[in-house]
């Protein structure tokens, strides 16, 4: 029985068969999915050693599958190869360099396929930042709460609100992007302090202007 499972998600039968035939014989099983939704079900149900993901897929795009995989702390550890006939389709969504997965352009030969798989396995072992940090960075950078940010931060938020700030739970709003109440309170305090400093500077400026006017007279 195969101990390693490789999932190939591609809507083209030729590509799926090509990958299967190019893989060297070994102790593994190749699973095939013809769309993103079917592929995601395999990812959630099976214990996979490698995912080969086409970026343009029916029902659920490769980009959507990628986001859901990256939002899960266990699933994102699986080595990943993203396939596409146009690299710009991938770089529009994910900027280079690709740190945690490998890109494989179509068409490809056996040498390129094996090389991409080896690099994907090496990149999957790279240390990665905590999901909460990534989600917060995405939310701040884009000015909105990204899908990845919501998925990453909601799991961590309850432990903070239930222990550190139990009485402030009713003050949390969805627009915070999963930020804890303690963080919100700290930001509010900073805003109050900044406003007080601004008011003080305005007062000083008024006094200086008044003094200058008196001297001019």
Protein backbone atom coordinates (compact mmCIF):
# COMPACT_ATOMS: atom_id res chain seq x y z
CA UNK A 1 0.00 0.00 0.00
CA UNK A 2 1.31 3.44 -0.95
CA UNK A 3 2.61 5.45 1.99
CA UNK A 4 2.81 8.77 0.14
CA UNK A 5 -0.03 10.45 -1.71
CA UNK A 6 0.45 13.05 -4.45
CA UNK A 7 -2.58 15.12 -5.47
CA UNK A 8 -2.72 16.55 -9.00
CA UNK A 9 -5.43 19.22 -9.39
CA UNK A 10 -5.90 20.15 -13.05
CA UNK A 11 -8.97 20.44 -15.28
CA UNK A 12 -7.07 18.94 -18.23
CA UNK A 13 -6.93 15.14 -18.34
CA UNK A 14 -3.78 15.23 -20.49
CA UNK A 15 -1.88 17.18 -17.81
CA UNK A 16 -2.98 14.86 -15.01
CA UNK A 17 -1.97 11.77 -17.01
CA UNK A 18 1.31 13.44 -18.02
CA UNK A 19 2.25 14.12 -14.40
CA UNK A 20 1.36 10.56 -13.39
CA UNK A 21 3.51 9.08 -16.18
CA UNK A 22 6.48 11.40 -15.55
CA UNK A 23 6.71 10.66 -11.83
CA UNK A 24 9.42 8.09 -11.11
CA UNK A 25 8.19 4.73 -9.82
CA UNK A 26 8.04 4.70 -6.05
CA UNK A 27 6.02 4.00 -2.96
CA UNK A 28 3.30 6.59 -3.60
CA UNK A 29 -0.25 6.95 -4.89
CA UNK A 30 -1.37 9.63 -7.35
CA UNK A 31 -4.79 11.20 -6.73
CA UNK A 32 -6.47 13.30 -9.43
CA UNK A 33 -8.96 16.19 -9.17
CA UNK A 34 -10.51 17.93 -12.17
CA UNK A 35 -11.57 21.14 -10.41
CA UNK A 36 -10.69 23.25 -7.38
CA UNK A 37 -13.61 22.11 -5.24
CA UNK A 38 -12.83 18.43 -5.75
CA UNK A 39 -9.17 19.16 -5.10
CA UNK A 40 -9.91 20.98 -1.83
CA UNK A 41 -12.00 18.02 -0.63
CA UNK A 42 -9.05 15.71 -1.25
CA UNK A 43 -6.74 18.12 0.62
CA UNK A 44 -9.07 18.16 3.63
CA UNK A 45 -9.71 14.41 3.68
CA UNK A 46 -6.39 12.83 2.67
CA UNK A 47 -2.95 12.91 4.24
CA UNK A 48 -0.91 14.25 1.32
CA UNK A 49 2.82 14.36 0.69
CA UNK A 50 2.58 16.81 -2.24
CA UNK A 51 0.00 19.02 -3.96
CA UNK A 52 0.28 19.98 -7.64
CA UNK A 53 -2.20 22.80 -8.23
CA UNK A 54 -3.25 24.36 -11.53
CA UNK A 55 -3.91 28.08 -11.03
CA UNK A 56 -6.95 28.36 -13.32
CA UNK A 57 -9.65 25.85 -12.39
CA UNK A 58 -13.46 25.55 -12.66
CA UNK A 59 -15.80 25.68 -9.61
CA UNK A 60 -13.01 27.00 -7.37
CA UNK A 61 -9.88 28.66 -8.74
CA UNK A 62 -6.36 27.59 -7.84
CA UNK A 63 -5.94 30.97 -6.14
CA UNK A 64 -8.91 30.25 -3.84
CA UNK A 65 -7.60 26.77 -3.05
CA UNK A 66 -4.17 28.29 -2.34
CA UNK A 67 -5.68 30.81 0.11
CA UNK A 68 -7.58 28.12 2.01
CA UNK A 69 -4.48 25.92 2.25
CA UNK A 70 -2.32 28.81 3.47
CA UNK A 71 -4.93 29.74 6.10
CA UNK A 72 -4.57 26.36 7.80
CA UNK A 73 -1.43 25.88 9.96
CA UNK A 74 -1.22 22.16 9.08
CA UNK A 75 -2.24 22.19 5.41
CA UNK A 76 0.28 24.89 4.51
CA UNK A 77 3.09 22.53 5.58
CA UNK A 78 2.32 20.26 2.61
CA UNK A 79 4.83 20.80 -0.27
CA UNK A 80 3.07 22.69 -3.07
CA UNK A 81 3.74 23.12 -6.79
CA UNK A 82 1.59 25.70 -8.59
CA UNK A 83 1.21 25.10 -12.33
CA UNK A 84 0.22 27.60 -15.01
CA UNK A 85 0.76 28.29 -18.69
CA UNK A 86 1.11 31.99 -17.88
CA UNK A 87 3.30 32.94 -14.96
CA UNK A 88 1.83 36.47 -14.87
CA UNK A 89 -1.50 34.96 -13.77
CA UNK A 90 0.23 33.78 -10.62
CA UNK A 91 2.36 36.87 -10.00
CA UNK A 92 -0.74 39.09 -10.23
CA UNK A 93 -1.93 37.42 -7.02
CA UNK A 94 1.33 36.27 -5.40
CA UNK A 95 4.49 38.34 -5.70
CA UNK A 96 7.89 36.77 -6.31
CA UNK A 97 10.09 35.35 -4.99
CA UNK A 98 7.91 32.37 -4.17
CA UNK A 99 9.20 31.47 -0.71
CA UNK A 100 7.00 28.59 0.36
CA UNK A 101 5.96 26.89 -2.89
CA UNK A 102 7.44 26.22 -6.32
CA UNK A 103 6.10 27.41 -9.67
CA UNK A 104 6.04 25.10 -12.71
CA UNK A 105 5.29 26.61 -16.11
CA UNK A 106 3.32 24.71 -18.73
CA UNK A 107 4.28 22.86 -20.85
CA UNK A 108 6.97 21.07 -18.86
CA UNK A 109 9.17 18.00 -19.24
CA UNK A 110 10.08 15.31 -16.72
CA UNK A 111 13.28 17.04 -15.60
CA UNK A 112 11.40 20.30 -14.89
CA UNK A 113 8.66 18.40 -13.03
CA UNK A 114 11.09 16.51 -10.78
CA UNK A 115 13.08 19.70 -10.16
CA UNK A 116 9.94 21.61 -9.15
CA UNK A 117 8.87 18.84 -6.77
CA UNK A 118 12.29 18.79 -5.07
CA UNK A 119 12.28 22.58 -4.64
CA UNK A 120 8.70 22.53 -3.31
CA UNK A 121 9.69 19.97 -0.69
CA UNK A 122 12.69 22.06 0.36
CA UNK A 123 10.65 25.27 0.54
CA UNK A 124 7.94 23.59 2.63
CA UNK A 125 10.53 23.09 5.39
CA UNK A 126 11.32 26.82 5.60
CA UNK A 127 10.39 28.45 8.93
CA UNK A 128 7.31 30.61 8.56
CA UNK A 129 5.79 33.49 10.58
CA UNK A 130 2.76 32.93 12.77
CA UNK A 131 -0.60 33.05 10.96
CA UNK A 132 -1.91 35.88 13.18
CA UNK A 133 1.03 38.09 12.20
CA UNK A 134 0.53 37.36 8.51
CA UNK A 135 -3.19 38.13 8.71
CA UNK A 136 -2.60 41.43 10.48
CA UNK A 137 0.02 42.45 7.94
CA UNK A 138 -2.30 41.68 5.04
CA UNK A 139 -5.13 43.67 6.62
CA UNK A 140 -2.95 46.72 7.27
CA UNK A 141 -1.22 46.60 3.90
CA UNK A 142 -4.42 46.43 1.88
CA UNK A 143 -6.47 48.73 4.07
CA UNK A 144 -9.10 46.01 4.29
CA UNK A 145 -9.51 42.73 6.07
CA UNK A 146 -8.34 40.13 3.57
CA UNK A 147 -9.82 36.63 3.46
CA UNK A 148 -6.55 35.16 4.65
CA UNK A 149 -6.38 37.58 7.55
CA UNK A 150 -9.85 36.67 8.76
CA UNK A 151 -9.19 32.95 8.58
CA UNK A 152 -5.89 33.31 10.38
CA UNK A 153 -6.89 35.57 13.25
CA UNK A 154 -10.34 34.39 14.28
CA UNK A 155 -8.97 31.17 15.76
CA UNK A 156 -6.55 33.03 18.02
CA UNK A 157 -8.84 35.88 19.13
CA UNK A 158 -11.13 34.02 21.61
CA UNK A 159 -8.28 33.00 23.93
CA UNK A 160 -7.29 36.64 24.28
CA UNK A 161 -10.77 38.06 24.78
CA UNK A 162 -11.78 35.35 27.24
CA UNK A 163 -8.74 35.68 29.50
CA UNK A 164 -7.17 39.10 29.22
CA UNK A 165 -10.25 41.27 28.60
CA UNK A 166 -13.43 39.31 29.51
CA UNK A 167 -15.50 42.43 30.19
CA UNK A 168 -14.71 44.08 26.88
CA UNK A 169 -15.94 41.29 24.59
CA UNK A 170 -19.05 43.25 23.62
CA UNK A 171 -16.88 46.06 22.27
CA UNK A 172 -15.27 43.91 19.56
CA UNK A 173 -16.48 44.50 16.02
CA UNK A 174 -15.93 42.48 12.78
CA UNK A 175 -14.07 45.41 11.22
CA UNK A 176 -11.08 44.88 13.52
CA UNK A 177 -9.90 41.96 11.41
CA UNK A 178 -9.57 39.67 14.45
CA UNK A 179 -7.48 42.10 16.57
CA UNK A 180 -7.76 41.52 20.32
CA UNK A 181 -9.56 43.93 22.63
CA UNK A 182 -6.28 44.63 24.41
CA UNK A 183 -4.74 45.79 21.13
CA UNK A 184 -7.77 47.95 20.37
CA UNK A 185 -7.66 49.57 23.81
CA UNK A 186 -3.94 50.23 23.43
CA UNK A 187 -4.55 51.92 20.09
CA UNK A 188 -7.35 54.02 21.55
CA UNK A 189 -5.06 55.15 24.37
CA UNK A 190 -2.40 56.15 21.85
CA UNK A 191 -4.97 58.13 19.86
CA UNK A 192 -6.11 59.98 23.02
CA UNK A 193 -2.51 60.81 23.93
CA UNK A 194 -1.75 62.01 20.40
CA UNK A 195 -4.86 64.20 20.41
CA UNK A 196 -3.80 65.72 23.75
CA UNK A 197 -0.33 66.45 22.34
CA UNK A 198 -1.85 68.05 19.25
CA UNK A 199 -4.13 70.23 21.39
CA UNK A 200 -1.10 71.28 23.46
CA UNK A 201 0.88 72.22 20.35
CA UNK A 202 -2.05 74.22 19.01
CA UNK A 203 -2.22 76.12 22.30
CA UNK A 204 1.52 76.84 22.20
CA UNK A 205 1.28 77.98 18.60
CA UNK A 206 -1.57 80.36 19.47
CA UNK A 207 0.51 81.85 22.28
CA UNK A 208 3.52 82.34 19.97
CA UNK A 209 1.38 84.02 17.31
CA UNK A 210 -0.17 86.33 19.93
CA UNK A 211 3.28 87.23 21.28
CA UNK A 212 4.59 88.00 17.77
CA UNK A 213 1.58 90.22 17.01
CA UNK A 214 2.15 92.17 20.24
CA UNK A 215 5.81 92.72 19.37
CA UNK A 216 4.95 93.90 15.87
CA UNK A 217 2.56 96.51 17.30
